[in-house]
PDB file of all heavy atoms in Angstrom:
ATOM      1  N   LYS A   1      95.412  89.168  99.063  1.00  0.00           N
ATOM      2  CA  LYS A   1      94.803  87.878  98.724  1.00  0.00           C
ATOM      3  C   LYS A   1      93.782  87.456  99.775  1.00  0.00           C
ATOM      4  O   LYS A   1      92.690  86.974  99.444  1.00  0.00           O
ATOM      5  CB  LYS A   1      95.885  86.808  98.597  1.00  0.00           C
ATOM      6  CG  LYS A   1      96.751  86.910  97.359  1.00  0.00           C
ATOM      7  CD  LYS A   1      97.772  85.766  97.356  1.00  0.00           C
ATOM      8  CE  LYS A   1      98.638  85.766  96.121  1.00  0.00           C
ATOM      9  NZ  LYS A   1      99.631  84.655  96.152  1.00  0.00           N
ATOM     10  N   GLU A   2      94.128  87.610 101.054  1.00  0.00           N
ATOM     11  CA  GLU A   2      93.235  87.168 102.129  1.00  0.00           C
ATOM     12  C   GLU A   2      91.965  88.013 102.183  1.00  0.00           C
ATOM     13  O   GLU A   2      90.872  87.485 102.416  1.00  0.00           O
ATOM     14  CB  GLU A   2      93.965  87.219 103.476  1.00  0.00           C
ATOM     15  CG  GLU A   2      94.989  86.122 103.676  1.00  0.00           C
ATOM     16  CD  GLU A   2      94.375  84.729 103.524  1.00  0.00           C
ATOM     17  OE1 GLU A   2      93.345  84.452 104.178  1.00  0.00           O
ATOM     18  OE2 GLU A   2      94.919  83.935 102.737  1.00  0.00           O
ATOM     19  N   VAL A   3      92.101  89.317 101.988  1.00  0.00           N
ATOM     20  CA  VAL A   3      90.914  90.181 101.982  1.00  0.00           C
ATOM     21  C   VAL A   3      90.000  89.792 100.825  1.00  0.00           C
ATOM     22  O   VAL A   3      88.773  89.687 100.992  1.00  0.00           O
ATOM     23  CB  VAL A   3      91.306  91.662 101.892  1.00  0.00           C
ATOM     24  CG1 VAL A   3      90.068  92.540 101.675  1.00  0.00           C
ATOM     25  CG2 VAL A   3      92.031  92.102 103.155  1.00  0.00           C
ATOM     26  N   LYS A   4      90.580  89.558  99.661  1.00  0.00           N
ATOM     27  CA  LYS A   4      89.772  89.200  98.496  1.00  0.00           C
ATOM     28  C   LYS A   4      89.101  87.840  98.699  1.00  0.00           C
ATOM     29  O   LYS A   4      87.980  87.611  98.245  1.00  0.00           O
ATOM     30  CB  LYS A   4      90.634  89.188  97.236  1.00  0.00           C
ATOM     31  CG  LYS A   4      91.016  90.583  96.752  1.00  0.00           C
ATOM     32  CD  LYS A   4      92.022  90.543  95.609  1.00  0.00           C
ATOM     33  CE  LYS A   4      91.511  89.786  94.414  1.00  0.00           C
ATOM     34  NZ  LYS A   4      90.304  90.410  93.828  1.00  0.00           N
ATOM     35  N   LYS A   5      89.791  86.916  99.395  1.00  0.00           N
ATOM     36  CA  LYS A   5      89.226  85.597  99.649  1.00  0.00           C
ATOM     37  C   LYS A   5      88.067  85.683 100.657  1.00  0.00           C
ATOM     38  O   LYS A   5      87.027  85.048 100.468  1.00  0.00           O
ATOM     39  CB  LYS A   5      90.317  84.670 100.190  1.00  0.00           C
ATOM     40  CG  LYS A   5      89.851  83.228 100.423  1.00  0.00           C
ATOM     41  CD  LYS A   5      90.890  82.424 101.184  1.00  0.00           C
ATOM     42  CE  LYS A   5      92.231  82.404 100.493  1.00  0.00           C
ATOM     43  NZ  LYS A   5      93.227  81.577 101.244  1.00  0.00           N
ATOM     44  N   CYS A   6      88.263  86.446 101.724  1.00  0.00           N
ATOM     45  CA  CYS A   6      87.261  86.516 102.793  1.00  0.00           C
ATOM     46  C   CYS A   6      86.130  87.500 102.490  1.00  0.00           C
ATOM     47  O   CYS A   6      85.020  87.343 103.007  1.00  0.00           O
ATOM     48  CB  CYS A   6      87.931  86.911 104.107  1.00  0.00           C
ATOM     49  SG  CYS A   6      89.133  85.706 104.715  1.00  0.00           S
ATOM     50  N   PHE A   7      86.420  88.496 101.660  1.00  0.00           N
ATOM     51  CA  PHE A   7      85.425  89.527 101.346  1.00  0.00           C
ATOM     52  C   PHE A   7      85.377  89.734  99.830  1.00  0.00           C
ATOM     53  O   PHE A   7      85.839  90.756  99.317  1.00  0.00           O
ATOM     54  CB  PHE A   7      85.753  90.841 102.061  1.00  0.00           C
ATOM     55  CG  PHE A   7      85.957  90.685 103.546  1.00  0.00           C
ATOM     56  CD1 PHE A   7      87.238  90.549 104.080  1.00  0.00           C
ATOM     57  CD2 PHE A   7      84.868  90.657 104.400  1.00  0.00           C
ATOM     58  CE1 PHE A   7      87.428  90.394 105.444  1.00  0.00           C
ATOM     59  CE2 PHE A   7      85.048  90.507 105.770  1.00  0.00           C
ATOM     60  CZ  PHE A   7      86.327  90.367 106.292  1.00  0.00           C
ATOM     61  N   PRO A   8      84.852  88.758  99.107  1.00  0.00           N
ATOM     62  CA  PRO A   8      84.879  88.828  97.634  1.00  0.00           C
ATOM     63  C   PRO A   8      84.097  89.992  97.053  1.00  0.00           C
ATOM     64  O   PRO A   8      84.285  90.337  95.880  1.00  0.00           O
ATOM     65  CB  PRO A   8      84.261  87.483  97.213  1.00  0.00           C
ATOM     66  CG  PRO A   8      83.473  87.032  98.403  1.00  0.00           C
ATOM     67  CD  PRO A   8      84.217  87.543  99.603  1.00  0.00           C
ATOM     68  N   ASN A   9      83.252  90.621  97.878  1.00  0.00           N
ATOM     69  CA  ASN A   9      82.487  91.779  97.389  1.00  0.00           C
ATOM     70  C   ASN A   9      83.296  93.070  97.462  1.00  0.00           C
ATOM     71  O   ASN A   9      82.841  94.112  96.965  1.00  0.00           O
ATOM     72  CB  ASN A   9      81.196  91.946  98.179  1.00  0.00           C
ATOM     73  CG  ASN A   9      81.453  92.171  99.660  1.00  0.00           C
ATOM     74  OD1 ASN A   9      82.331  91.524 100.239  1.00  0.00           O
ATOM     75  ND2 ASN A   9      80.688  93.051 100.284  1.00  0.00           N
ATOM     76  N   LYS A  10      84.476  93.031  98.068  1.00  0.00           N
ATOM     77  CA  LYS A  10      85.327  94.215  98.161  1.00  0.00           C
ATOM     78  C   LYS A  10      86.272  94.274  96.959  1.00  0.00           C
ATOM     79  O   LYS A  10      86.858  93.262  96.576  1.00  0.00           O
ATOM     80  CB  LYS A  10      86.161  94.199  99.446  1.00  0.00           C
ATOM     81  CG  LYS A  10      85.375  94.022 100.737  1.00  0.00           C
ATOM     82  CD  LYS A  10      84.499  95.209 101.039  1.00  0.00           C
ATOM     83  CE  LYS A  10      83.834  95.049 102.402  1.00  0.00           C
ATOM     84  NZ  LYS A  10      82.838  96.119 102.665  1.00  0.00           N
ATOM     85  N   ASP A  11      86.426  95.455  96.383  1.00  0.00           N
ATOM     86  CA  ASP A  11      87.414  95.660  95.327  1.00  0.00           C
ATOM     87  C   ASP A  11      88.714  96.156  95.946  1.00  0.00           C
ATOM     88  O   ASP A  11      88.693  97.110  96.745  1.00  0.00           O
ATOM     89  CB  ASP A  11      86.912  96.683  94.307  1.00  0.00           C
ATOM     90  CG  ASP A  11      85.810  96.130  93.418  1.00  0.00           C
ATOM     91  OD1 ASP A  11      85.787  94.909  93.210  1.00  0.00           O
ATOM     92  OD2 ASP A  11      84.977  96.923  92.949  1.00  0.00           O
ATOM     93  N   ILE A  12      89.817  95.526  95.601  1.00  0.00           N
ATOM     94  CA  ILE A  12      91.132  95.924  96.120  1.00  0.00           C
ATOM     95  C   ILE A  12      92.009  96.313  94.936  1.00  0.00           C
ATOM     96  O   ILE A  12      92.321  95.480  94.069  1.00  0.00           O
ATOM     97  CB  ILE A  12      91.814  94.789  96.907  1.00  0.00           C
ATOM     98  CG1 ILE A  12      90.853  94.179  97.934  1.00  0.00           C
ATOM     99  CG2 ILE A  12      93.084  95.325  97.576  1.00  0.00           C
ATOM    100  CD1 ILE A  12      90.462  95.110  99.047  1.00  0.00           C
ATOM    101  N   GLY A  13      92.413  97.567  94.894  1.00  0.00           N
ATOM    102  CA  GLY A  13      93.265  98.045  93.818  1.00  0.00           C
ATOM    103  C   GLY A  13      94.587  98.559  94.342  1.00  0.00           C
ATOM    104  O   GLY A  13      94.781  98.681  95.557  1.00  0.00           O
ATOM    105  N   ILE A  14      95.509  98.835  93.442  1.00  0.00           N
ATOM    106  CA  ILE A  14      96.794  99.404  93.842  1.00  0.00           C
ATOM    107  C   ILE A  14      97.046 100.704  93.074  1.00  0.00           C
ATOM    108  O   ILE A  14      96.604 100.874  91.938  1.00  0.00           O
ATOM    109  CB  ILE A  14      97.966  98.427  93.634  1.00  0.00           C
ATOM    110  CG1 ILE A  14      98.079  98.001  92.168  1.00  0.00           C
ATOM    111  CG2 ILE A  14      97.843  97.224  94.547  1.00  0.00           C
ATOM    112  CD1 ILE A  14      99.374  97.258  91.861  1.00  0.00           C
ATOM    113  N   PHE A  15      97.733 101.609  93.753  1.00  0.00           N
ATOM    114  CA  PHE A  15      98.125 102.900  93.200  1.00  0.00           C
ATOM    115  C   PHE A  15      99.613 103.048  93.519  1.00  0.00           C
ATOM    116  O   PHE A  15      99.982 103.729  94.479  1.00  0.00           O
ATOM    117  CB  PHE A  15      97.285 103.994  93.855  1.00  0.00           C
ATOM    118  CG  PHE A  15      97.491 105.391  93.321  1.00  0.00           C
ATOM    119  CD1 PHE A  15      97.758 105.643  91.989  1.00  0.00           C
ATOM    120  CD2 PHE A  15      97.380 106.481  94.189  1.00  0.00           C
ATOM    121  CE1 PHE A  15      97.933 106.926  91.518  1.00  0.00           C
ATOM    122  CE2 PHE A  15      97.540 107.785  93.735  1.00  0.00           C
ATOM    123  CZ  PHE A  15      97.824 108.003  92.400  1.00  0.00           C
ATOM    124  N   PRO A  16     100.487 102.354  92.769  1.00  0.00           N
ATOM    125  CA  PRO A  16     101.908 102.346  93.110  1.00  0.00           C
ATOM    126  C   PRO A  16     102.497 103.754  93.081  1.00  0.00           C
ATOM    127  O   PRO A  16     102.187 104.545  92.192  1.00  0.00           O
ATOM    128  CB  PRO A  16     102.536 101.468  92.013  1.00  0.00           C
ATOM    129  CG  PRO A  16     101.398 100.697  91.430  1.00  0.00           C
ATOM    130  CD  PRO A  16     100.204 101.592  91.540  1.00  0.00           C
ATOM    131  N   PRO A  17     103.343 104.081  94.058  1.00  0.00           N
ATOM    132  CA  PRO A  17     104.022 105.378  94.020  1.00  0.00           C
ATOM    133  C   PRO A  17     104.771 105.573  92.713  1.00  0.00           C
ATOM    134  O   PRO A  17     105.166 104.599  92.051  1.00  0.00           O
ATOM    135  CB  PRO A  17     104.990 105.293  95.214  1.00  0.00           C
ATOM    136  CG  PRO A  17     104.326 104.340  96.155  1.00  0.00           C
ATOM    137  CD  PRO A  17     103.676 103.311  95.270  1.00  0.00           C
ATOM    138  N   TYR A  18     104.968 106.821  92.351  1.00  0.00           N
ATOM    139  CA  TYR A  18     105.620 107.166  91.088  1.00  0.00           C
ATOM    140  C   TYR A  18     106.965 106.435  90.960  1.00  0.00           C
ATOM    141  O   TYR A  18     107.816 106.495  91.847  1.00  0.00           O
ATOM    142  CB  TYR A  18     105.848 108.677  91.022  1.00  0.00           C
ATOM    143  CG  TYR A  18     106.560 109.125  89.771  1.00  0.00           C
ATOM    144  CD1 TYR A  18     105.879 109.246  88.565  1.00  0.00           C
ATOM    145  CD2 TYR A  18     107.926 109.428  89.789  1.00  0.00           C
ATOM    146  CE1 TYR A  18     106.535 109.640  87.408  1.00  0.00           C
ATOM    147  CE2 TYR A  18     108.586 109.830  88.644  1.00  0.00           C
ATOM    148  CZ  TYR A  18     107.881 109.937  87.451  1.00  0.00           C
ATOM    149  OH  TYR A  18     108.535 110.326  86.308  1.00  0.00           O
ATOM    150  N   GLY A  19     107.137 105.731  89.845  1.00  0.00           N
ATOM    151  CA  GLY A  19     108.383 105.018  89.587  1.00  0.00           C
ATOM    152  C   GLY A  19     108.477 103.645  90.227  1.00  0.00           C
ATOM    153  O   GLY A  19     109.464 102.937  90.041  1.00  0.00           O
ATOM    154  N   LYS A  20     107.449 103.254  91.003  1.00  0.00           N
ATOM    155  CA  LYS A  20     107.442 101.941  91.662  1.00  0.00           C
ATOM    156  C   LYS A  20     106.485 101.017  90.909  1.00  0.00           C
ATOM    157  O   LYS A  20     105.511 101.465  90.325  1.00  0.00           O
ATOM    158  CB  LYS A  20     106.985 102.065  93.117  1.00  0.00           C
ATOM    159  CG  LYS A  20     107.799 103.023  93.970  1.00  0.00           C
ATOM    160  CD  LYS A  20     109.080 102.395  94.437  1.00  0.00           C
ATOM    161  CE  LYS A  20     109.827 103.294  95.401  1.00  0.00           C
ATOM    162  NZ  LYS A  20     111.082 102.701  95.884  1.00  0.00           N
ATOM    163  N   TRP A  21     106.760  99.717  90.993  1.00  0.00           N
ATOM    164  CA  TRP A  21     105.873  98.773  90.312  1.00  0.00           C
ATOM    165  C   TRP A  21     106.058  97.387  90.903  1.00  0.00           C
ATOM    166  O   TRP A  21     107.123  97.063  91.438  1.00  0.00           O
ATOM    167  CB  TRP A  21     106.165  98.733  88.817  1.00  0.00           C
ATOM    168  CG  TRP A  21     105.049  98.124  88.012  1.00  0.00           C
ATOM    169  CD1 TRP A  21     105.039  96.899  87.413  1.00  0.00           C
ATOM    170  CD2 TRP A  21     103.784  98.708  87.736  1.00  0.00           C
ATOM    171  NE1 TRP A  21     103.839  96.687  86.763  1.00  0.00           N
ATOM    172  CE2 TRP A  21     103.047  97.782  86.947  1.00  0.00           C
ATOM    173  CE3 TRP A  21     103.184  99.916  88.076  1.00  0.00           C
ATOM    174  CZ2 TRP A  21     101.752  98.032  86.502  1.00  0.00           C
ATOM    175  CZ3 TRP A  21     101.901 100.170  87.622  1.00  0.00           C
ATOM    176  CH2 TRP A  21     101.201  99.253  86.848  1.00  0.00           C
ATOM    177  N   SER A  22     105.016  96.586  90.861  1.00  0.00           N
ATOM    178  CA  SER A  22     105.092  95.186  91.281  1.00  0.00           C
ATOM    179  C   SER A  22     104.146  94.387  90.406  1.00  0.00           C
ATOM    180  O   SER A  22     102.927  94.567  90.475  1.00  0.00           O
ATOM    181  CB  SER A  22     104.711  95.028  92.754  1.00  0.00           C
ATOM    182  OG  SER A  22     104.509  93.661  93.071  1.00  0.00           O
ATOM    183  N   ASN A  23     104.696  93.506  89.589  1.00  0.00           N
ATOM    184  CA  ASN A  23     103.853  92.669  88.742  1.00  0.00           C
ATOM    185  C   ASN A  23     102.980  91.731  89.566  1.00  0.00           C
ATOM    186  O   ASN A  23     101.857  91.409  89.174  1.00  0.00           O
ATOM    187  CB  ASN A  23     104.717  91.862  87.771  1.00  0.00           C
ATOM    188  CG  ASN A  23     105.295  92.735  86.661  1.00  0.00           C
ATOM    189  OD1 ASN A  23     104.664  93.693  86.222  1.00  0.00           O
ATOM    190  ND2 ASN A  23     106.508  92.412  86.214  1.00  0.00           N
ATOM    191  N   ASP A  24     103.504  91.278  90.721  1.00  0.00           N
ATOM    192  CA  ASP A  24     102.726  90.390  91.583  1.00  0.00           C
ATOM    193  C   ASP A  24     101.480  91.098  92.107  1.00  0.00           C
ATOM    194  O   ASP A  24     100.382  90.536  92.104  1.00  0.00           O
ATOM    195  CB  ASP A  24     103.574  89.896  92.758  1.00  0.00           C
ATOM    196  CG  ASP A  24     104.622  88.883  92.329  1.00  0.00           C
ATOM    197  OD1 ASP A  24     104.412  88.221  91.284  1.00  0.00           O
ATOM    198  OD2 ASP A  24     105.644  88.765  93.021  1.00  0.00           O
ATOM    199  N   LEU A  25     101.658  92.335  92.571  1.00  0.00           N
ATOM    200  CA  LEU A  25     100.508  93.093  93.049  1.00  0.00           C
ATOM    201  C   LEU A  25      99.523  93.339  91.916  1.00  0.00           C
ATOM    202  O   LEU A  25      98.311  93.231  92.092  1.00  0.00           O
ATOM    203  CB  LEU A  25     100.958  94.430  93.648  1.00  0.00           C
ATOM    204  CG  LEU A  25     101.683  94.393  94.994  1.00  0.00           C
ATOM    205  CD1 LEU A  25     102.071  95.809  95.410  1.00  0.00           C
ATOM    206  CD2 LEU A  25     100.816  93.757  96.059  1.00  0.00           C
ATOM    207  N   ARG A  26     100.057  93.672  90.757  1.00  0.00           N
ATOM    208  CA  ARG A  26      99.196  93.975  89.617  1.00  0.00           C
ATOM    209  C   ARG A  26      98.337  92.772  89.236  1.00  0.00           C
ATOM    210  O   ARG A  26      97.147  92.911  88.921  1.00  0.00           O
ATOM    211  CB  ARG A  26     100.053  94.406  88.430  1.00  0.00           C
ATOM    212  CG  ARG A  26      99.246  94.803  87.204  1.00  0.00           C
ATOM    213  CD  ARG A  26     100.141  95.163  86.046  1.00  0.00           C
ATOM    214  NE  ARG A  26      99.367  95.591  84.886  1.00  0.00           N
ATOM    215  CZ  ARG A  26      99.875  95.869  83.704  1.00  0.00           C
ATOM    216  NH1 ARG A  26     101.168  95.791  83.514  1.00  0.00           N
ATOM    217  NH2 ARG A  26      99.094  96.246  82.712  1.00  0.00           N
ATOM    218  N   LYS A  27      98.920  91.568  89.280  1.00  0.00           N
ATOM    219  CA  LYS A  27      98.200  90.372  88.871  1.00  0.00           C
ATOM    220  C   LYS A  27      97.032  90.052  89.799  1.00  0.00           C
ATOM    221  O   LYS A  27      96.039  89.463  89.360  1.00  0.00           O
ATOM    222  CB  LYS A  27      99.161  89.174  88.825  1.00  0.00           C
ATOM    223  CG  LYS A  27     100.073  89.164  87.607  1.00  0.00           C
ATOM    224  CD  LYS A  27     100.837  87.858  87.484  1.00  0.00           C
ATOM    225  CE  LYS A  27     101.789  87.653  88.650  1.00  0.00           C
ATOM    226  NZ  LYS A  27     102.622  86.435  88.460  1.00  0.00           N
ATOM    227  N   HIS A  28      97.146  90.429  91.071  1.00  0.00           N
ATOM    228  CA  HIS A  28      96.122  90.051  92.043  1.00  0.00           C
ATOM    229  C   HIS A  28      95.198  91.203  92.433  1.00  0.00           C
ATOM    230  O   HIS A  28      94.283  91.011  93.240  1.00  0.00           O
ATOM    231  CB  HIS A  28      96.787  89.480  93.295  1.00  0.00           C
ATOM    232  CG  HIS A  28      97.433  88.143  93.062  1.00  0.00           C
ATOM    233  ND1 HIS A  28      98.735  88.015  92.636  1.00  0.00           N
ATOM    234  CD2 HIS A  28      96.942  86.886  93.156  1.00  0.00           C
ATOM    235  CE1 HIS A  28      99.027  86.724  92.505  1.00  0.00           C
ATOM    236  NE2 HIS A  28      97.965  86.020  92.816  1.00  0.00           N
ATOM    237  N   ALA A  29      95.427  92.376  91.871  1.00  0.00           N
ATOM    238  CA  ALA A  29      94.566  93.526  92.177  1.00  0.00           C
ATOM    239  C   ALA A  29      93.372  93.549  91.232  1.00  0.00           C
ATOM    240  O   ALA A  29      93.446  93.072  90.094  1.00  0.00           O
ATOM    241  CB  ALA A  29      95.358  94.822  92.050  1.00  0.00           C
ATOM    242  N   ASP A  30      92.275  94.119  91.712  1.00  0.00           N
ATOM    243  CA  ASP A  30      91.090  94.271  90.862  1.00  0.00           C
ATOM    244  C   ASP A  30      91.274  95.403  89.860  1.00  0.00           C
ATOM    245  O   ASP A  30      90.639  95.402  88.795  1.00  0.00           O
ATOM    246  CB  ASP A  30      89.851  94.545  91.727  1.00  0.00           C
ATOM    247  CG  ASP A  30      89.471  93.338  92.568  1.00  0.00           C
ATOM    248  OD1 ASP A  30      89.340  92.241  92.001  1.00  0.00           O
ATOM    249  OD2 ASP A  30      89.328  93.497  93.800  1.00  0.00           O
ATOM    250  N   PHE A  31      92.113  96.365  90.201  1.00  0.00           N
ATOM    251  CA  PHE A  31      92.390  97.476  89.289  1.00  0.00           C
ATOM    252  C   PHE A  31      93.710  98.115  89.665  1.00  0.00           C
ATOM    253  O   PHE A  31      94.214  97.943  90.780  1.00  0.00           O
ATOM    254  CB  PHE A  31      91.257  98.523  89.334  1.00  0.00           C
ATOM    255  CG  PHE A  31      91.043  99.140  90.681  1.00  0.00           C
ATOM    256  CD1 PHE A  31      91.706 100.304  91.059  1.00  0.00           C
ATOM    257  CD2 PHE A  31      90.164  98.560  91.593  1.00  0.00           C
ATOM    258  CE1 PHE A  31      91.512 100.872  92.310  1.00  0.00           C
ATOM    259  CE2 PHE A  31      89.957  99.118  92.844  1.00  0.00           C
ATOM    260  CZ  PHE A  31      90.634 100.279  93.200  1.00  0.00           C
ATOM    261  N   VAL A  32      94.296  98.829  88.730  1.00  0.00           N
ATOM    262  CA  VAL A  32      95.565  99.525  88.946  1.00  0.00           C
ATOM    263  C   VAL A  32      95.420 100.959  88.460  1.00  0.00           C
ATOM    264  O   VAL A  32      94.876 101.208  87.378  1.00  0.00           O
ATOM    265  CB  VAL A  32      96.722  98.846  88.179  1.00  0.00           C
ATOM    266  CG1 VAL A  32      98.032  99.603  88.409  1.00  0.00           C
ATOM    267  CG2 VAL A  32      96.863  97.394  88.585  1.00  0.00           C
ATOM    268  N   ILE A  33      95.895 101.902  89.269  1.00  0.00           N
ATOM    269  CA  ILE A  33      95.941 103.309  88.868  1.00  0.00           C
ATOM    270  C   ILE A  33      97.409 103.703  88.772  1.00  0.00           C
ATOM    271  O   ILE A  33      98.183 103.442  89.700  1.00  0.00           O
ATOM    272  CB  ILE A  33      95.224 104.216  89.881  1.00  0.00           C
ATOM    273  CG1 ILE A  33      93.804 103.716  90.161  1.00  0.00           C
ATOM    274  CG2 ILE A  33      95.193 105.663  89.379  1.00  0.00           C
ATOM    275  CD1 ILE A  33      93.129 104.432  91.322  1.00  0.00           C
TER     276      ILE A  33
END
């Protein structure tokens, strides 16, 4: 959240390890793999 707030030109995505998941991370990420 802080990186996205301070550097809005940066894309922050998540690549959760196999079998792992977080809806909170997904909601605030620019993309999910």
